[in-house]
Amino acid sequence: MGQWLERNIIEPGKLPLLLALTAFVVTFVVTRTITRLIRAGKGPFGNVTAGSVHIHHVVPGVILTVVGGFGAVASGGHGFGPYLSAVLFGVGAGLVLDEFALILHLDDVYWSEDGRKSVEMVVLTAALVVLLLAGFAPFGVNDLSQQELQNRAGALTGVAANFGFALIALSKGKVRLAVFGVIVPVVALVGSLRLARPGSPWARRFYRRRPRARAKALLRSYRHDRRWSRPTRAIQDWLGGKPDPPRPPERL
């Protein structure tokens, strides 16, 4: 284990990234545990308030992310600074993304159905960082030879092609494939070749006069969602807690 860590993490200079990922995951787990205890009315924990204002943990998260980011830049990659900055950044990012849905909706949707987006964003971010630790480089640069890397035209062509595939996948409604495709080129290629999801910009533009393609996209989307929605929700509930049931509409 020590040799693997030395060869794959320390020598390539990835220790700060590993520290940031560890701090990110631990912060998310601890934060979700505390918020679930507060929700259940157990333990000594409670919401932080200033008068009548509820201080969400995204606030210290933003502060720690800024401190860690600027600290990493100021350290210049020397001494103990990069490691401390990586931990601060990881903690801050964990606090911020745990309330990603709140930022997205500008509303306290932490325990609502919309709050699941926070869990999705945390899992997605952690997975992308793991890929970076495993040696994948953004935009498929890791797939280029040394000669191609030295040739600017070849490198830019490879980056542009992979980025183009990712954009096509995104326009087809394949958000996860598009994001992962930025790191793993073949994923973006697969996403760009698959049928678009109904309602996506690609479907509205290119399937408008193709009823067969529209029907096939609807059927495939229905089967995919039927197969994966339940296990996905179960994992999200296990990680982040089950959301509150929707409130009934108020009677006039």
Protein backbone atom coordinates (compact mmCIF):
# COMPACT_ATOMS: atom_id res chain seq x y z
CA MET A 1 0.00 0.00 0.00
CA GLY A 2 2.85 2.35 0.88
CA GLN A 3 4.60 1.72 -2.45
CA TRP A 4 1.35 2.24 -4.37
CA LEU A 5 0.72 5.52 -2.54
CA GLU A 6 4.27 6.70 -3.20
CA ARG A 7 4.24 5.75 -6.88
CA ASN A 8 0.71 6.79 -7.86
CA ILE A 9 -0.13 9.67 -5.52
CA ILE A 10 2.93 11.29 -3.96
CA GLU A 11 5.39 11.16 -6.88
CA PRO A 12 2.90 12.58 -9.44
CA GLY A 13 2.01 15.36 -6.97
CA LYS A 14 -1.56 14.18 -6.40
CA LEU A 15 -1.46 14.15 -2.59
CA PRO A 16 -3.26 17.53 -2.28
CA LEU A 17 -6.00 16.22 -4.58
CA LEU A 18 -6.36 13.08 -2.45
CA LEU A 19 -6.52 15.17 0.73
CA ALA A 20 -9.15 17.44 -0.83
CA LEU A 21 -11.24 14.44 -1.92
CA THR A 22 -11.00 12.83 1.52
CA ALA A 23 -11.97 16.05 3.26
CA PHE A 24 -14.83 16.53 0.78
CA VAL A 25 -16.32 13.07 1.33
CA VAL A 26 -15.85 13.10 5.13
CA THR A 27 -17.41 16.56 5.36
CA PHE A 28 -20.44 15.47 3.34
CA VAL A 29 -20.94 12.32 5.46
CA VAL A 30 -20.55 14.19 8.75
CA THR A 31 -22.80 17.05 7.60
CA ARG A 32 -25.56 14.73 6.42
CA THR A 33 -25.34 12.74 9.65
CA ILE A 34 -25.71 15.88 11.76
CA THR A 35 -28.56 17.31 9.69
CA ARG A 36 -30.42 14.00 9.85
CA LEU A 37 -30.00 13.94 13.63
CA ILE A 38 -31.32 17.51 13.82
CA ARG A 39 -34.25 16.55 11.63
CA ALA A 40 -35.04 13.57 13.89
CA GLY A 41 -34.65 15.68 17.05
CA LYS A 42 -31.81 13.52 18.37
CA GLY A 43 -28.43 14.44 19.81
CA PRO A 44 -27.05 17.75 21.00
CA PHE A 45 -27.06 19.40 17.59
CA GLY A 46 -29.26 22.23 16.38
CA ASN A 47 -29.59 24.78 13.62
CA VAL A 48 -27.25 27.77 13.72
CA THR A 49 -29.15 31.03 13.84
CA ALA A 50 -28.32 34.71 14.13
CA GLY A 51 -31.44 36.29 15.53
CA SER A 52 -34.20 35.12 13.21
CA VAL A 53 -31.81 34.23 10.37
CA HIS A 54 -30.95 30.57 9.79
CA ILE A 55 -27.26 30.37 8.89
CA HIS A 56 -26.99 27.58 6.33
CA HIS A 57 -23.73 25.63 6.24
CA VAL A 58 -23.17 26.81 2.68
CA VAL A 59 -22.02 30.11 4.22
CA PRO A 60 -18.93 28.76 6.06
CA GLY A 61 -18.50 26.44 3.06
CA VAL A 62 -18.07 29.39 0.69
CA ILE A 63 -15.60 31.02 3.09
CA LEU A 64 -13.50 27.85 3.42
CA THR A 65 -13.57 27.26 -0.34
CA VAL A 66 -12.33 30.80 -1.01
CA VAL A 67 -9.63 30.54 1.68
CA GLY A 68 -8.50 27.14 0.44
CA GLY A 69 -8.48 28.19 -3.22
CA PHE A 70 -6.53 31.40 -2.71
CA GLY A 71 -4.27 29.63 -0.21
CA ALA A 72 -3.36 27.02 -2.81
CA VAL A 73 -2.54 29.74 -5.34
CA ALA A 74 -0.52 31.76 -2.85
CA SER A 75 1.48 28.76 -1.62
CA GLY A 76 3.00 28.21 -5.04
CA GLY A 77 2.99 24.45 -4.50
CA HIS A 78 5.70 24.57 -1.84
CA GLY A 79 5.80 23.55 1.81
CA PHE A 80 2.84 22.64 3.97
CA GLY A 81 0.55 25.27 2.43
CA PRO A 82 -0.82 23.20 -0.50
CA TYR A 83 -1.86 20.37 1.84
CA LEU A 84 -3.63 22.64 4.31
CA SER A 85 -5.29 24.55 1.47
CA ALA A 86 -6.45 21.28 -0.11
CA VAL A 87 -8.12 20.19 3.14
CA LEU A 88 -9.79 23.57 3.62
CA PHE A 89 -10.98 23.55 0.02
CA GLY A 90 -12.33 20.00 0.35
CA VAL A 91 -14.23 20.84 3.54
CA GLY A 92 -15.64 24.01 2.00
CA ALA A 93 -16.65 22.27 -1.22
CA GLY A 94 -18.38 19.54 0.79
CA LEU A 95 -20.42 22.10 2.72
CA VAL A 96 -21.29 24.06 -0.40
CA LEU A 97 -22.33 21.13 -2.59
CA ASP A 98 -24.34 19.60 0.24
CA GLU A 99 -26.63 22.59 -0.25
CA PHE A 100 -26.23 22.82 -4.00
CA ALA A 101 -30.00 22.51 -4.49
CA LEU A 102 -30.55 25.48 -2.18
CA ILE A 103 -28.24 27.60 -4.33
CA LEU A 104 -29.85 26.35 -7.53
CA HIS A 105 -33.42 27.09 -6.44
CA LEU A 106 -32.64 30.03 -4.13
CA ASP A 107 -34.93 28.37 -1.60
CA ASP A 108 -34.60 26.05 1.38
CA VAL A 109 -35.31 22.78 -0.46
CA TYR A 110 -32.85 20.70 1.60
CA TRP A 111 -35.40 18.05 2.60
CA SER A 112 -37.64 18.33 -0.45
CA GLU A 113 -37.65 16.32 -3.66
CA ASP A 114 -35.57 19.05 -5.32
CA GLY A 115 -32.96 18.60 -2.59
CA ARG A 116 -31.89 15.32 -4.19
CA LYS A 117 -29.86 17.40 -6.65
CA SER A 118 -27.37 18.09 -3.87
CA VAL A 119 -26.70 14.39 -3.36
CA GLU A 120 -26.36 13.88 -7.13
CA MET A 121 -23.87 16.73 -7.36
CA VAL A 122 -21.77 15.41 -4.47
CA VAL A 123 -21.62 11.90 -5.94
CA LEU A 124 -20.81 13.25 -9.39
CA THR A 125 -18.03 15.49 -8.07
CA ALA A 126 -16.47 12.69 -6.01
CA ALA A 127 -16.54 10.34 -9.01
CA LEU A 128 -14.85 12.91 -11.25
CA VAL A 129 -12.09 13.53 -8.70
CA VAL A 130 -11.53 9.76 -8.39
CA LEU A 131 -11.06 9.63 -12.17
CA LEU A 132 -8.51 12.44 -11.94
CA LEU A 133 -6.67 10.54 -9.21
CA ALA A 134 -6.71 7.45 -11.41
CA GLY A 135 -4.79 9.34 -14.07
CA PHE A 136 -7.48 10.56 -16.45
CA ALA A 137 -6.98 14.07 -17.80
CA PRO A 138 -9.78 16.43 -18.89
CA PHE A 139 -10.71 16.57 -22.59
CA GLY A 140 -8.92 13.34 -23.43
CA VAL A 141 -5.40 14.73 -23.14
CA ASN A 142 -4.30 11.49 -21.48
CA ASP A 143 -5.14 9.63 -24.73
CA LEU A 144 -2.72 11.73 -26.80
CA SER A 145 0.83 10.55 -27.45
CA GLN A 146 3.86 12.64 -26.53
CA GLN A 147 4.31 13.56 -30.18
CA GLU A 148 0.68 14.69 -30.41
CA LEU A 149 1.05 16.68 -27.22
CA GLN A 150 4.10 18.44 -28.64
CA ASN A 151 2.14 19.18 -31.79
CA ARG A 152 -0.24 21.95 -30.74
CA ALA A 153 -2.53 21.38 -33.71
CA GLY A 154 -2.92 17.69 -32.88
CA ALA A 155 -3.55 18.36 -29.20
CA LEU A 156 -6.11 21.08 -29.91
CA THR A 157 -7.88 18.83 -32.42
CA GLY A 158 -8.19 16.05 -29.87
CA VAL A 159 -9.44 18.41 -27.17
CA ALA A 160 -11.92 20.08 -29.52
CA ALA A 161 -13.29 16.74 -30.76
CA ASN A 162 -13.84 15.43 -27.23
CA PHE A 163 -15.39 18.71 -26.15
CA GLY A 164 -17.68 18.61 -29.18
CA PHE A 165 -18.86 15.08 -28.31
CA ALA A 166 -19.54 16.24 -24.74
CA LEU A 167 -21.59 19.20 -26.00
CA ILE A 168 -23.65 16.93 -28.26
CA ALA A 169 -24.30 14.55 -25.37
CA LEU A 170 -25.35 17.51 -23.23
CA SER A 171 -27.71 18.80 -25.92
CA LYS A 172 -29.27 15.33 -26.06
CA GLY A 173 -30.11 15.52 -22.36
CA LYS A 174 -27.32 13.12 -21.33
CA VAL A 175 -25.96 15.35 -18.58
CA ARG A 176 -24.05 12.70 -16.65
CA LEU A 177 -22.51 11.21 -19.78
CA ALA A 178 -21.50 14.70 -20.92
CA VAL A 179 -19.81 15.52 -17.62
CA PHE A 180 -17.97 12.20 -17.38
CA GLY A 181 -17.15 12.48 -21.06
CA VAL A 182 -15.02 15.52 -20.34
CA ILE A 183 -12.71 13.18 -18.42
CA VAL A 184 -13.20 9.91 -20.33
CA PRO A 185 -13.51 10.58 -24.10
CA VAL A 186 -15.27 7.32 -24.98
CA VAL A 187 -18.11 8.21 -22.60
CA ALA A 188 -18.73 11.48 -24.46
CA LEU A 189 -18.65 9.60 -27.76
CA VAL A 190 -21.25 7.11 -26.54
CA GLY A 191 -23.46 9.92 -25.25
CA SER A 192 -23.26 11.76 -28.56
CA LEU A 193 -24.32 8.67 -30.53
CA ARG A 194 -27.27 7.61 -28.38
CA LEU A 195 -30.84 8.78 -28.90
CA ALA A 196 -31.69 12.11 -27.33
CA ARG A 197 -34.03 12.28 -24.38
CA PRO A 198 -37.51 13.69 -25.14
CA GLY A 199 -37.67 17.40 -24.49
CA SER A 200 -33.92 17.92 -24.92
CA PRO A 201 -32.71 20.67 -27.30
CA TRP A 202 -31.48 18.02 -29.75
CA ALA A 203 -34.87 16.24 -29.80
CA ARG A 204 -36.76 19.49 -30.29
CA ARG A 205 -34.49 20.47 -33.16
CA PHE A 206 -33.92 17.20 -35.03
CA TYR A 207 -36.84 14.94 -34.06
CA ARG A 208 -39.58 17.45 -34.82
CA ARG A 209 -40.29 15.96 -38.23
CA ARG A 210 -39.20 12.41 -37.41
CA PRO A 211 -42.12 10.71 -35.61
CA ARG A 212 -40.35 7.35 -35.49
CA ALA A 213 -37.30 8.83 -33.80
CA ARG A 214 -39.56 10.71 -31.38
CA ALA A 215 -41.50 7.58 -30.50
CA LYS A 216 -38.32 5.53 -30.09
CA ALA A 217 -36.78 8.19 -27.85
CA LEU A 218 -39.92 8.30 -25.68
CA LEU A 219 -40.00 4.52 -25.33
CA ARG A 220 -36.31 4.24 -24.50
CA SER A 221 -36.52 7.07 -21.98
CA TYR A 222 -39.55 5.43 -20.34
CA ARG A 223 -37.80 2.06 -20.06
CA HIS A 224 -34.60 3.64 -18.72
CA ASP A 225 -36.40 5.68 -16.08
CA ARG A 226 -38.57 2.72 -15.08
CA ARG A 227 -35.51 0.51 -14.65
CA TRP A 228 -33.21 2.92 -12.84
CA SER A 229 -35.37 5.49 -11.02
CA ARG A 230 -36.21 3.23 -8.06
CA PRO A 231 -32.65 2.03 -7.27
CA THR A 232 -31.34 5.57 -7.82
CA ARG A 233 -33.86 7.00 -5.38
CA ALA A 234 -33.03 4.28 -2.86
CA ILE A 235 -29.32 5.15 -3.00
CA GLN A 236 -30.08 8.86 -2.70
CA ASP A 237 -32.34 8.23 0.31
CA TRP A 238 -29.60 6.13 1.92
CA LEU A 239 -26.94 8.78 1.34
CA GLY A 240 -28.85 11.97 1.97
CA GLY A 241 -32.05 11.03 3.78
CA LYS A 242 -35.57 10.57 2.52
CA PRO A 243 -37.19 13.86 1.44
CA ASP A 244 -40.35 15.17 3.06
CA PRO A 245 -43.60 14.33 1.26
CA PRO A 246 -44.94 17.17 -0.87
CA ARG A 247 -47.30 19.53 0.88
CA PRO A 248 -50.91 19.49 -0.29
CA PRO A 249 -52.02 22.67 -2.07
CA GLU A 250 -53.57 25.27 0.18
CA ARG A 251 -57.30 25.73 -0.13
CA LEU A 252 -58.52 29.18 -1.02
